[in-house]
Amino acid sequence: MVKIGLVRCEMASRSCPGTSCFKAIKNGTGTLEEFKDEDIDIIGMVTCGGCPGRDSIRQVREMVRRGAEVIFLCTCMIKPIPNPPKCPYAEEIAEAIRNMCDVRVIMGTH
């Protein structure tokens, strides 16, 4: 079993219910393909907290404390989904998470 945490864009969360992310988790598609033969335990799904996304680091730290092994920055963080622009802070957030939480970070979900 792999335990995952999800970080999504605050602005995108106002119009996107996360359906495509959960579909990718259920079907093992997109970046979740490497886990398609494993059971997935979702530890949490949080927003970045709004630009520049620093709130997510604290929340990811808590998800890791609760067992998250892999953190996904949802597709809305790396592509202009559902609306442009894409997150200009995604790489910075991912790097901060890696440095502060010693956890694997995967860019995108579906």
C-alpha atoms as a PDB file:
ATOM      1  CA  MET A   1       0.000   0.000   0.000  1.00  0.00           C
ATOM      2  CA  VAL A   2       1.217   3.464  -0.867  1.00  0.00           C
ATOM      3  CA  LYS A   3       0.101   6.444   1.170  1.00  0.00           C
ATOM      4  CA  ILE A   4      -0.299   9.660  -0.790  1.00  0.00           C
ATOM      5  CA  GLY A   5      -1.090  13.305  -0.218  1.00  0.00           C
ATOM      6  CA  LEU A   6      -2.438  15.752  -2.773  1.00  0.00           C
ATOM      7  CA  VAL A   7      -1.824  19.485  -3.101  1.00  0.00           C
ATOM      8  CA  ARG A   8      -4.107  21.425  -5.403  1.00  0.00           C
ATOM      9  CA  CYS A   9      -4.356  25.004  -6.588  1.00  0.00           C
ATOM     10  CA  GLU A  10      -6.465  27.225  -4.330  1.00  0.00           C
ATOM     11  CA  MET A  11      -7.991  29.081  -7.280  1.00  0.00           C
ATOM     12  CA  ALA A  12      -8.713  25.912  -9.258  1.00  0.00           C
ATOM     13  CA  SER A  13     -10.384  24.365  -6.210  1.00  0.00           C
ATOM     14  CA  ARG A  14     -13.149  26.951  -6.533  1.00  0.00           C
ATOM     15  CA  SER A  15     -14.306  25.423  -9.807  1.00  0.00           C
ATOM     16  CA  CYS A  16     -12.820  21.912  -9.825  1.00  0.00           C
ATOM     17  CA  PRO A  17     -14.063  19.231  -7.425  1.00  0.00           C
ATOM     18  CA  GLY A  18     -10.969  17.070  -8.006  1.00  0.00           C
ATOM     19  CA  THR A  19     -12.881  14.491 -10.051  1.00  0.00           C
ATOM     20  CA  SER A  20     -10.102  13.879 -12.581  1.00  0.00           C
ATOM     21  CA  CYS A  21      -7.514  13.447  -9.825  1.00  0.00           C
ATOM     22  CA  PHE A  22      -9.661  10.857  -8.051  1.00  0.00           C
ATOM     23  CA  LYS A  23     -10.388   9.124 -11.373  1.00  0.00           C
ATOM     24  CA  ALA A  24      -6.626   8.850 -12.039  1.00  0.00           C
ATOM     25  CA  ILE A  25      -6.131   7.406  -8.552  1.00  0.00           C
ATOM     26  CA  LYS A  26      -8.941   4.881  -9.017  1.00  0.00           C
ATOM     27  CA  ASN A  27      -7.895   3.807 -12.534  1.00  0.00           C
ATOM     28  CA  GLY A  28      -4.120   4.045 -12.150  1.00  0.00           C
ATOM     29  CA  THR A  29      -3.736   6.479 -15.033  1.00  0.00           C
ATOM     30  CA  GLY A  30      -1.613   9.569 -15.577  1.00  0.00           C
ATOM     31  CA  THR A  31       1.225   9.851 -13.091  1.00  0.00           C
ATOM     32  CA  LEU A  32      -0.590   7.335 -10.886  1.00  0.00           C
ATOM     33  CA  GLU A  33       0.124   4.590 -13.432  1.00  0.00           C
ATOM     34  CA  GLU A  34       3.177   3.381 -11.509  1.00  0.00           C
ATOM     35  CA  PHE A  35       0.861   2.652  -8.570  1.00  0.00           C
ATOM     36  CA  LYS A  36      -1.945   0.958 -10.529  1.00  0.00           C
ATOM     37  CA  ASP A  37      -1.217  -2.450  -9.002  1.00  0.00           C
ATOM     38  CA  GLU A  38      -1.040  -1.095  -5.445  1.00  0.00           C
ATOM     39  CA  ASP A  39      -3.686  -0.104  -2.965  1.00  0.00           C
ATOM     40  CA  ILE A  40      -3.648   3.642  -2.426  1.00  0.00           C
ATOM     41  CA  ASP A  41      -4.437   5.296   0.865  1.00  0.00           C
ATOM     42  CA  ILE A  42      -5.175   9.009   0.501  1.00  0.00           C
ATOM     43  CA  ILE A  43      -3.782  10.714   3.595  1.00  0.00           C
ATOM     44  CA  GLY A  44      -5.112  14.146   2.654  1.00  0.00           C
ATOM     45  CA  MET A  45      -5.963  16.636  -0.071  1.00  0.00           C
ATOM     46  CA  VAL A  46      -5.154  20.273   0.600  1.00  0.00           C
ATOM     47  CA  THR A  47      -4.930  23.476  -1.371  1.00  0.00           C
ATOM     48  CA  CYS A  48      -1.771  25.496  -1.665  1.00  0.00           C
ATOM     49  CA  GLY A  49      -3.450  28.234   0.366  1.00  0.00           C
ATOM     50  CA  GLY A  50      -3.231  30.723  -2.485  1.00  0.00           C
ATOM     51  CA  CYS A  51      -0.272  32.324  -4.168  1.00  0.00           C
ATOM     52  CA  PRO A  52       2.578  31.855  -3.538  1.00  0.00           C
ATOM     53  CA  GLY A  53       1.564  28.495  -2.040  1.00  0.00           C
ATOM     54  CA  ARG A  54       3.607  28.497   1.135  1.00  0.00           C
ATOM     55  CA  ASP A  55       0.715  27.227   3.274  1.00  0.00           C
ATOM     56  CA  SER A  56       0.978  23.872   1.545  1.00  0.00           C
ATOM     57  CA  ILE A  57       4.414  23.167   3.023  1.00  0.00           C
ATOM     58  CA  ARG A  58       3.045  23.150   6.578  1.00  0.00           C
ATOM     59  CA  GLN A  59       0.115  20.968   5.538  1.00  0.00           C
ATOM     60  CA  VAL A  60       2.332  18.549   3.626  1.00  0.00           C
ATOM     61  CA  ARG A  61       4.570  18.254   6.667  1.00  0.00           C
ATOM     62  CA  GLU A  62       1.494  17.160   8.631  1.00  0.00           C
ATOM     63  CA  MET A  63       0.483  14.653   5.938  1.00  0.00           C
ATOM     64  CA  VAL A  64       3.994  13.179   6.039  1.00  0.00           C
ATOM     65  CA  ARG A  65       3.790  13.009   9.840  1.00  0.00           C
ATOM     66  CA  ARG A  66       0.561  11.049   9.331  1.00  0.00           C
ATOM     67  CA  GLY A  67       2.224   8.601   6.965  1.00  0.00           C
ATOM     68  CA  ALA A  68       2.230  10.098   3.452  1.00  0.00           C
ATOM     69  CA  GLU A  69       5.037   8.614   1.380  1.00  0.00           C
ATOM     70  CA  VAL A  70       4.377  10.411  -1.903  1.00  0.00           C
ATOM     71  CA  ILE A  71       3.017  13.923  -2.445  1.00  0.00           C
ATOM     72  CA  PHE A  72       1.362  14.816  -5.722  1.00  0.00           C
ATOM     73  CA  LEU A  73       1.098  18.384  -6.908  1.00  0.00           C
ATOM     74  CA  CYS A  74      -2.195  18.028  -8.756  1.00  0.00           C
ATOM     75  CA  THR A  75      -2.403  18.717 -12.457  1.00  0.00           C
ATOM     76  CA  CYS A  76      -3.993  22.124 -11.791  1.00  0.00           C
ATOM     77  CA  MET A  77      -0.656  23.136 -10.260  1.00  0.00           C
ATOM     78  CA  ILE A  78       1.389  22.316 -13.353  1.00  0.00           C
ATOM     79  CA  LYS A  79      -0.984  22.956 -16.280  1.00  0.00           C
ATOM     80  CA  PRO A  80      -3.496  25.744 -16.874  1.00  0.00           C
ATOM     81  CA  ILE A  81      -6.403  23.568 -15.684  1.00  0.00           C
ATOM     82  CA  PRO A  82      -9.248  24.435 -15.416  1.00  0.00           C
ATOM     83  CA  ASN A  83      -8.249  27.964 -16.460  1.00  0.00           C
ATOM     84  CA  PRO A  84      -4.982  29.710 -17.292  1.00  0.00           C
ATOM     85  CA  PRO A  85      -2.524  30.582 -15.997  1.00  0.00           C
ATOM     86  CA  LYS A  86      -0.674  27.603 -14.618  1.00  0.00           C
ATOM     87  CA  CYS A  87       0.913  27.985 -11.205  1.00  0.00           C
ATOM     88  CA  PRO A  88       4.125  30.024 -11.439  1.00  0.00           C
ATOM     89  CA  TYR A  89       5.213  28.637  -8.049  1.00  0.00           C
ATOM     90  CA  ALA A  90       4.777  24.878  -8.626  1.00  0.00           C
ATOM     91  CA  GLU A  91       8.480  24.049  -8.993  1.00  0.00           C
ATOM     92  CA  GLU A  92       9.382  26.217  -6.018  1.00  0.00           C
ATOM     93  CA  ILE A  93       6.683  24.564  -3.889  1.00  0.00           C
ATOM     94  CA  ALA A  94       7.819  21.080  -4.952  1.00  0.00           C
ATOM     95  CA  GLU A  95      11.437  21.862  -4.101  1.00  0.00           C
ATOM     96  CA  ALA A  96      10.500  23.321  -0.710  1.00  0.00           C
ATOM     97  CA  ILE A  97       8.457  20.209   0.070  1.00  0.00           C
ATOM     98  CA  ARG A  98      11.359  17.927  -0.908  1.00  0.00           C
ATOM     99  CA  ASN A  99      13.795  19.911   1.218  1.00  0.00           C
ATOM    100  CA  MET A 100      11.633  20.304   4.305  1.00  0.00           C
ATOM    101  CA  CYS A 101       9.804  16.992   4.393  1.00  0.00           C
ATOM    102  CA  ASP A 102      12.155  14.417   2.841  1.00  0.00           C
ATOM    103  CA  VAL A 103       9.347  12.983   0.717  1.00  0.00           C
ATOM    104  CA  ARG A 104       8.921  12.097  -2.941  1.00  0.00           C
ATOM    105  CA  VAL A 105       7.029  14.736  -4.918  1.00  0.00           C
ATOM    106  CA  ILE A 106       5.358  13.945  -8.238  1.00  0.00           C
ATOM    107  CA  MET A 107       4.226  16.686 -10.575  1.00  0.00           C
ATOM    108  CA  GLY A 108       0.670  16.197 -11.818  1.00  0.00           C
ATOM    109  CA  THR A 109      -1.959  13.538 -11.352  1.00  0.00           C
ATOM    110  CA  HIS A 110      -3.909  12.980 -14.574  1.00  0.00           C
END
